[in-house]
Amino acid sequence: MGTCIMNSEVAEANTEVRPRVSIGVPVYNGERYLAQALESIFAQTYQNFELIISDNGSSDGTEAICRGYAAADSRIRYYRHDKTRGVTWNFRQVVLRSTGEYFMWVAADDRLAPDYVERCVEVLDRQSQVVLCYCRSVDMDEDGTLLRREEPELNTEASQPHQRFRELIRMDHNCAALFGLIRASILKLTPIHGDFADSDRSVLAELALYGKYYQIPDDLFFHHDHAQRVTRQFPSRQQRMFKLHAERPPRFVLPHFRQFWEYLASIQRAPLPWGERLRCYLHMLGWIRDNSPRLWSDLRFIAWQLLQPLRRDNSSD
């Protein structure tokens, strides 16, 4: 924790200054990579930030790591919850507790290049029409070896909201933009993070209705791809829905139908001219066409759930 202790002097000097950037780290049993993630935050060339850590009832060494860093740097606010309340709740908590002009999520198993925050702040300060600034991302395996992955080009700098919306509702991008720097006032106009699988796509699509994205063309965000990731443990969206509702698992899940509904709701919430709103709704017709296999998978999963009691009864006869 040497970097954190060294930067505590900077934090003390800035105690009277409201932080412009809020960084939120939602964590659950993240002891393996958490210290690396925190070190990459404190190594940032931009230092006017607050760090909100929300510990979702971890049972490993996460609490000890967080308390050690919090004791060394006054910019850290650490919140420990007695029980796990699900991924969605935890992601929302760090946003709701933030006070900065700009907000950034950092996962407990990811790392940032030292100048990532500074370069994003420069873009948002310079271009008022940009609501989110992010960079190219690189995957890492469990040992930190970099893995190059080709990503599709997204026209997120288009001038019209419906054009940006059409790009962000595509299912072929990895949603790494969610870990960019966001105008907090705009993010807090949205549901922030939905309680359904892969709701990050809905958040990104809704933010695009308020303004442009800007992608820094450099690799500044490093994402760990390891066996403990939720998407690796629960490959299907239907399975991940149960993970999101830790306290009260739903009986039936329709994640793709829910995503469709959230897209419609985001169009309705956004302050759009009627022509733009209509064009966004028309894009949703194309989304239904392109994602009809996924919608059918929801219905098949429901049918499978309904048949399970009958199968159990027959097997017991």
Protein backbone atom coordinates (compact mmCIF):
# COMPACT_ATOMS: atom_id res chain seq x y z
CA MET A 1 0.00 0.00 0.00
CA GLY A 2 2.99 2.29 -0.43
CA THR A 3 1.36 4.37 -3.16
CA CYS A 4 -1.71 4.98 -1.04
CA ILE A 5 0.33 6.13 1.95
CA MET A 6 2.44 8.42 -0.19
CA ASN A 7 -0.65 10.05 -1.69
CA SER A 8 -2.23 10.65 1.73
CA GLU A 9 -0.23 13.90 1.89
CA VAL A 10 -1.90 15.03 -1.32
CA ALA A 11 -5.29 14.09 0.11
CA GLU A 12 -4.72 16.14 3.27
CA ALA A 13 -3.76 19.16 1.18
CA ASN A 14 -7.03 18.88 -0.77
CA THR A 15 -9.44 18.31 2.13
CA GLU A 16 -11.03 21.76 1.61
CA VAL A 17 -11.51 21.20 -2.12
CA ARG A 18 -14.59 19.37 -3.34
CA PRO A 19 -13.38 16.52 -5.53
CA ARG A 20 -14.27 16.90 -9.19
CA VAL A 21 -14.07 13.16 -9.82
CA SER A 22 -15.78 10.38 -7.90
CA ILE A 23 -14.46 6.85 -8.38
CA GLY A 24 -16.71 4.03 -7.24
CA VAL A 25 -15.45 0.52 -6.49
CA PRO A 26 -18.26 -2.00 -5.81
CA VAL A 27 -16.66 -5.16 -4.43
CA TYR A 28 -17.60 -8.61 -3.20
CA ASN A 29 -14.90 -11.11 -2.18
CA GLY A 30 -12.33 -9.31 -4.29
CA GLU A 31 -9.18 -9.88 -2.24
CA ARG A 32 -7.23 -11.46 -5.11
CA TYR A 33 -7.05 -8.36 -7.33
CA LEU A 34 -8.43 -5.55 -5.15
CA ALA A 35 -5.09 -4.12 -4.01
CA GLN A 36 -3.90 -3.95 -7.63
CA ALA A 37 -7.05 -2.07 -8.62
CA LEU A 38 -6.69 0.40 -5.75
CA GLU A 39 -2.99 0.96 -6.47
CA SER A 40 -3.84 1.82 -10.09
CA ILE A 41 -6.34 4.40 -8.82
CA PHE A 42 -3.90 6.06 -6.44
CA ALA A 43 -1.22 6.07 -9.15
CA GLN A 44 -3.35 8.39 -11.31
CA THR A 45 -1.74 11.59 -12.48
CA TYR A 46 -5.07 13.30 -11.69
CA GLN A 47 -5.43 13.43 -7.92
CA ASN A 48 -8.55 15.53 -7.21
CA PHE A 49 -10.86 12.58 -6.62
CA GLU A 50 -12.83 10.81 -3.93
CA LEU A 51 -12.99 7.02 -3.75
CA ILE A 52 -16.17 5.29 -2.64
CA ILE A 53 -15.83 1.58 -1.86
CA SER A 54 -18.99 -0.43 -1.27
CA ASP A 55 -18.27 -3.86 0.22
CA ASN A 56 -21.23 -6.12 -0.46
CA GLY A 57 -20.85 -8.41 2.56
CA SER A 58 -17.49 -9.95 1.60
CA SER A 59 -16.40 -13.01 3.55
CA ASP A 60 -12.74 -13.05 2.48
CA GLY A 61 -9.95 -10.56 3.19
CA THR A 62 -11.62 -7.68 1.32
CA GLU A 63 -12.59 -5.80 4.50
CA ALA A 64 -9.05 -5.80 5.89
CA ILE A 65 -7.63 -4.53 2.60
CA CYS A 66 -10.19 -1.73 2.36
CA ARG A 67 -9.79 -0.59 5.95
CA GLY A 68 -6.01 -0.50 5.54
CA TYR A 69 -6.28 1.81 2.54
CA ALA A 70 -9.00 3.95 4.14
CA ALA A 71 -6.83 4.52 7.22
CA ALA A 72 -4.01 5.77 4.99
CA ASP A 73 -5.94 8.13 2.71
CA SER A 74 -8.75 10.50 3.71
CA ARG A 75 -10.19 10.52 0.18
CA ILE A 76 -11.54 7.00 0.72
CA ARG A 77 -15.05 6.38 2.03
CA TYR A 78 -15.49 2.70 2.81
CA TYR A 79 -18.96 1.25 3.39
CA ARG A 80 -19.26 -2.27 4.72
CA HIS A 81 -22.61 -4.07 4.41
CA ASP A 82 -23.43 -7.01 6.66
CA LYS A 83 -25.02 -9.12 3.94
CA THR A 84 -24.88 -9.45 0.19
CA ARG A 85 -27.58 -7.47 -1.59
CA GLY A 86 -26.72 -8.25 -5.18
CA VAL A 87 -24.59 -6.72 -7.91
CA THR A 88 -27.13 -4.08 -8.99
CA TRP A 89 -27.58 -2.68 -5.49
CA ASN A 90 -23.84 -2.39 -4.99
CA PHE A 91 -23.18 -0.66 -8.31
CA ARG A 92 -25.91 1.88 -7.55
CA GLN A 93 -24.63 2.57 -4.04
CA VAL A 94 -21.28 3.97 -5.14
CA VAL A 95 -23.02 6.36 -7.54
CA LEU A 96 -25.64 7.53 -5.04
CA ARG A 97 -22.95 8.26 -2.44
CA SER A 98 -20.76 10.20 -4.89
CA THR A 99 -20.38 13.99 -4.82
CA GLY A 100 -18.10 14.72 -7.77
CA GLU A 101 -18.91 16.41 -11.07
CA TYR A 102 -17.68 13.33 -12.92
CA PHE A 103 -18.07 9.66 -11.98
CA MET A 104 -16.18 6.51 -12.88
CA TRP A 105 -16.76 2.87 -11.93
CA VAL A 106 -13.69 0.71 -11.38
CA ALA A 107 -14.22 -3.02 -10.88
CA ALA A 108 -12.25 -4.62 -8.06
CA ASP A 109 -10.40 -6.83 -10.56
CA ASP A 110 -9.49 -4.20 -13.18
CA ARG A 111 -6.62 -1.73 -13.55
CA LEU A 112 -6.19 1.76 -15.02
CA ALA A 113 -3.23 3.28 -16.79
CA PRO A 114 -1.81 6.21 -14.76
CA ASP A 115 -3.11 8.95 -17.07
CA TYR A 116 -6.56 7.51 -17.75
CA VAL A 117 -8.55 9.82 -15.44
CA GLU A 118 -6.56 12.93 -16.38
CA ARG A 119 -7.09 12.44 -20.09
CA CYS A 120 -10.82 11.79 -19.61
CA VAL A 121 -11.21 14.94 -17.48
CA GLU A 122 -9.49 16.98 -20.18
CA VAL A 123 -12.00 15.76 -22.77
CA LEU A 124 -15.09 16.40 -20.63
CA ASP A 125 -13.82 19.85 -19.64
CA ARG A 126 -13.16 20.75 -23.25
CA GLN A 127 -16.24 19.25 -24.94
CA SER A 128 -19.52 19.99 -23.19
CA GLN A 129 -21.54 17.84 -25.61
CA VAL A 130 -19.67 14.69 -24.50
CA VAL A 131 -21.36 12.82 -21.64
CA LEU A 132 -18.91 9.91 -21.40
CA CYS A 133 -15.21 9.57 -22.19
CA TYR A 134 -13.57 6.16 -22.36
CA CYS A 135 -10.61 4.43 -23.95
CA ARG A 136 -9.76 1.22 -25.71
CA SER A 137 -9.63 -1.74 -23.34
CA VAL A 138 -7.36 -4.75 -23.09
CA ASP A 139 -8.21 -8.08 -21.45
CA MET A 140 -5.83 -9.82 -19.06
CA ASP A 141 -5.79 -13.45 -18.06
CA GLU A 142 -5.63 -14.58 -14.43
CA ASP A 143 -1.88 -13.99 -14.31
CA GLY A 144 -2.03 -10.52 -15.85
CA THR A 145 -0.91 -11.51 -19.35
CA LEU A 146 -2.41 -9.12 -21.89
CA LEU A 147 -4.87 -10.58 -24.39
CA ARG A 148 -5.66 -8.58 -27.50
CA ARG A 149 -9.32 -8.67 -28.54
CA GLU A 150 -10.76 -6.99 -31.60
CA GLU A 151 -13.75 -4.78 -30.90
CA PRO A 152 -16.29 -3.48 -33.43
CA GLU A 153 -16.29 0.20 -34.27
CA LEU A 154 -19.13 2.14 -32.64
CA ASN A 155 -20.28 5.48 -34.02
CA THR A 156 -20.86 6.98 -30.58
CA GLU A 157 -19.81 10.46 -31.71
CA ALA A 158 -22.71 10.80 -34.16
CA SER A 159 -24.51 14.13 -34.02
CA GLN A 160 -28.06 12.73 -33.67
CA PRO A 161 -29.26 10.88 -30.54
CA HIS A 162 -31.05 8.18 -32.53
CA GLN A 163 -27.83 7.35 -34.38
CA ARG A 164 -25.90 6.91 -31.13
CA PHE A 165 -28.76 4.90 -29.63
CA ARG A 166 -28.77 2.55 -32.63
CA GLU A 167 -25.06 1.88 -32.10
CA LEU A 168 -25.30 1.23 -28.35
CA ILE A 169 -28.21 -1.25 -28.55
CA ARG A 170 -26.04 -3.54 -30.67
CA MET A 171 -25.10 -6.80 -28.95
CA ASP A 172 -21.60 -7.17 -30.40
CA HIS A 173 -19.64 -4.78 -28.17
CA ASN A 174 -18.16 -5.50 -24.73
CA CYS A 175 -19.61 -2.51 -22.81
CA ALA A 176 -16.16 -1.40 -21.61
CA ALA A 177 -17.38 2.18 -22.07
CA LEU A 178 -19.32 1.77 -18.81
CA PHE A 179 -15.97 2.11 -17.03
CA GLY A 180 -15.25 5.47 -18.61
CA LEU A 181 -15.66 8.90 -17.00
CA ILE A 182 -19.31 10.02 -16.97
CA ARG A 183 -21.00 13.32 -16.20
CA ALA A 184 -22.54 12.45 -12.83
CA SER A 185 -25.53 14.77 -13.24
CA ILE A 186 -26.57 12.87 -16.38
CA LEU A 187 -25.90 9.42 -14.92
CA LYS A 188 -28.14 10.22 -11.95
CA LEU A 189 -31.03 10.97 -14.32
CA THR A 190 -31.02 7.30 -15.33
CA PRO A 191 -31.81 4.18 -13.27
CA ILE A 192 -27.99 3.95 -12.95
CA HIS A 193 -27.85 0.15 -13.05
CA GLY A 194 -30.78 -2.17 -13.71
CA ASP A 195 -31.60 -5.33 -11.81
CA PHE A 196 -31.38 -7.57 -14.85
CA ALA A 197 -28.53 -9.33 -16.61
CA ASP A 198 -26.29 -7.16 -18.79
CA SER A 199 -28.16 -4.00 -17.82
CA ASP A 200 -24.96 -2.09 -18.61
CA ARG A 201 -26.11 -2.09 -22.23
CA SER A 202 -29.27 -0.23 -21.26
CA VAL A 203 -27.32 2.31 -19.19
CA LEU A 204 -24.95 3.03 -22.07
CA ALA A 205 -27.79 3.33 -24.59
CA GLU A 206 -29.67 5.77 -22.35
CA LEU A 207 -26.61 7.94 -21.71
CA ALA A 208 -26.12 8.18 -25.48
CA LEU A 209 -29.51 9.87 -25.74
CA TYR A 210 -28.14 12.80 -23.71
CA GLY A 211 -24.88 13.34 -25.54
CA LYS A 212 -21.89 12.01 -27.43
CA TYR A 213 -19.23 9.55 -26.34
CA TYR A 214 -15.55 10.16 -26.91
CA GLN A 215 -13.09 7.29 -27.21
CA ILE A 216 -9.44 7.92 -26.44
CA PRO A 217 -7.59 5.78 -29.03
CA ASP A 218 -5.13 4.27 -26.54
CA ASP A 219 -5.12 1.18 -24.30
CA LEU A 220 -5.65 2.67 -20.84
CA PHE A 221 -8.11 0.21 -19.26
CA PHE A 222 -7.12 -3.36 -18.35
CA HIS A 223 -9.82 -5.89 -17.63
CA HIS A 224 -9.18 -9.17 -15.82
CA ASP A 225 -10.83 -12.19 -17.41
CA HIS A 226 -10.79 -14.90 -14.75
CA ALA A 227 -12.81 -17.92 -13.63
CA GLN A 228 -14.50 -16.05 -10.76
CA ARG A 229 -16.18 -13.51 -13.01
CA VAL A 230 -19.98 -13.66 -12.88
CA THR A 231 -20.20 -14.11 -16.65
CA ARG A 232 -17.86 -17.10 -16.45
CA GLN A 233 -19.68 -18.72 -13.53
CA PHE A 234 -23.13 -18.07 -14.99
CA PRO A 235 -22.85 -18.13 -18.80
CA SER A 236 -26.51 -17.49 -19.63
CA ARG A 237 -28.38 -14.30 -18.90
CA GLN A 238 -31.16 -16.29 -17.29
CA GLN A 239 -28.70 -17.75 -14.78
CA ARG A 240 -27.21 -14.32 -14.04
CA MET A 241 -30.66 -12.95 -13.21
CA PHE A 242 -30.74 -15.14 -10.08
CA LYS A 243 -27.29 -13.86 -9.07
CA LEU A 244 -28.50 -10.25 -9.26
CA HIS A 245 -31.34 -10.92 -6.83
CA ALA A 246 -29.41 -12.41 -3.93
CA GLU A 247 -32.03 -11.60 -1.27
CA ARG A 248 -35.15 -12.61 -3.17
CA PRO A 249 -34.49 -14.65 -6.30
CA PRO A 250 -37.23 -14.27 -8.93
CA ARG A 251 -39.34 -17.25 -9.84
CA PHE A 252 -39.32 -16.54 -13.56
CA VAL A 253 -36.84 -14.47 -15.54
CA LEU A 254 -37.09 -12.80 -18.94
CA PRO A 255 -33.84 -10.81 -19.23
CA HIS A 256 -34.08 -10.08 -22.95
CA PHE A 257 -37.70 -8.95 -22.73
CA ARG A 258 -36.71 -6.83 -19.74
CA GLN A 259 -33.88 -5.29 -21.72
CA PHE A 260 -36.29 -4.44 -24.54
CA TRP A 261 -38.64 -2.78 -22.06
CA GLU A 262 -35.82 -0.76 -20.50
CA TYR A 263 -34.75 0.51 -23.91
CA LEU A 264 -38.31 1.73 -24.50
CA ALA A 265 -38.41 3.34 -21.04
CA SER A 266 -35.11 5.13 -21.65
CA ILE A 267 -36.46 6.60 -24.89
CA GLN A 268 -39.48 7.87 -22.99
CA ARG A 269 -37.41 9.37 -20.15
CA ALA A 270 -34.90 11.23 -22.30
CA PRO A 271 -35.64 14.86 -23.29
CA LEU A 272 -35.85 14.17 -27.02
CA PRO A 273 -37.64 16.01 -29.85
CA TRP A 274 -40.57 13.95 -31.09
CA GLY A 275 -38.79 13.14 -34.35
CA GLU A 276 -35.75 11.74 -32.53
CA ARG A 277 -37.98 9.79 -30.15
CA LEU A 278 -39.85 8.22 -33.08
CA ARG A 279 -36.61 7.22 -34.81
CA CYS A 280 -35.39 5.54 -31.60
CA TYR A 281 -38.62 3.56 -31.35
CA LEU A 282 -38.20 2.48 -34.97
CA HIS A 283 -34.70 1.22 -34.18
CA MET A 284 -36.29 -1.03 -31.57
CA LEU A 285 -38.21 -2.82 -34.33
CA GLY A 286 -34.86 -3.74 -35.84
CA TRP A 287 -33.64 -4.83 -32.40
CA ILE A 288 -36.57 -7.26 -32.12
CA ARG A 289 -35.71 -8.71 -35.51
CA ASP A 290 -32.02 -9.07 -34.72
CA ASN A 291 -32.58 -10.52 -31.25
CA SER A 292 -35.56 -12.80 -31.84
CA PRO A 293 -33.47 -15.92 -30.98
CA ARG A 294 -32.62 -14.38 -27.60
CA LEU A 295 -36.26 -13.51 -26.93
CA TRP A 296 -37.26 -17.08 -27.77
CA SER A 297 -34.58 -18.34 -25.37
CA ASP A 298 -36.36 -16.48 -22.55
CA LEU A 299 -39.62 -18.22 -23.38
CA ARG A 300 -37.94 -21.63 -23.57
CA PHE A 301 -36.33 -21.03 -20.18
CA ILE A 302 -39.72 -20.18 -18.66
CA ALA A 303 -41.21 -23.34 -20.16
CA TRP A 304 -38.33 -25.38 -18.72
CA GLN A 305 -38.96 -23.88 -15.27
CA LEU A 306 -42.67 -24.64 -15.45
CA LEU A 307 -41.99 -28.25 -16.39
CA GLN A 308 -39.52 -28.91 -13.58
CA PRO A 309 -42.17 -29.60 -10.86
CA LEU A 310 -43.94 -32.02 -13.20
CA ARG A 311 -40.68 -33.84 -13.90
CA ARG A 312 -39.92 -34.11 -10.20
CA ASP A 313 -43.40 -35.47 -9.50
CA ASN A 314 -43.07 -38.07 -12.25
CA SER A 315 -39.66 -39.17 -11.07
CA SER A 316 -40.98 -39.72 -7.54
CA ASP A 317 -43.83 -41.98 -8.66
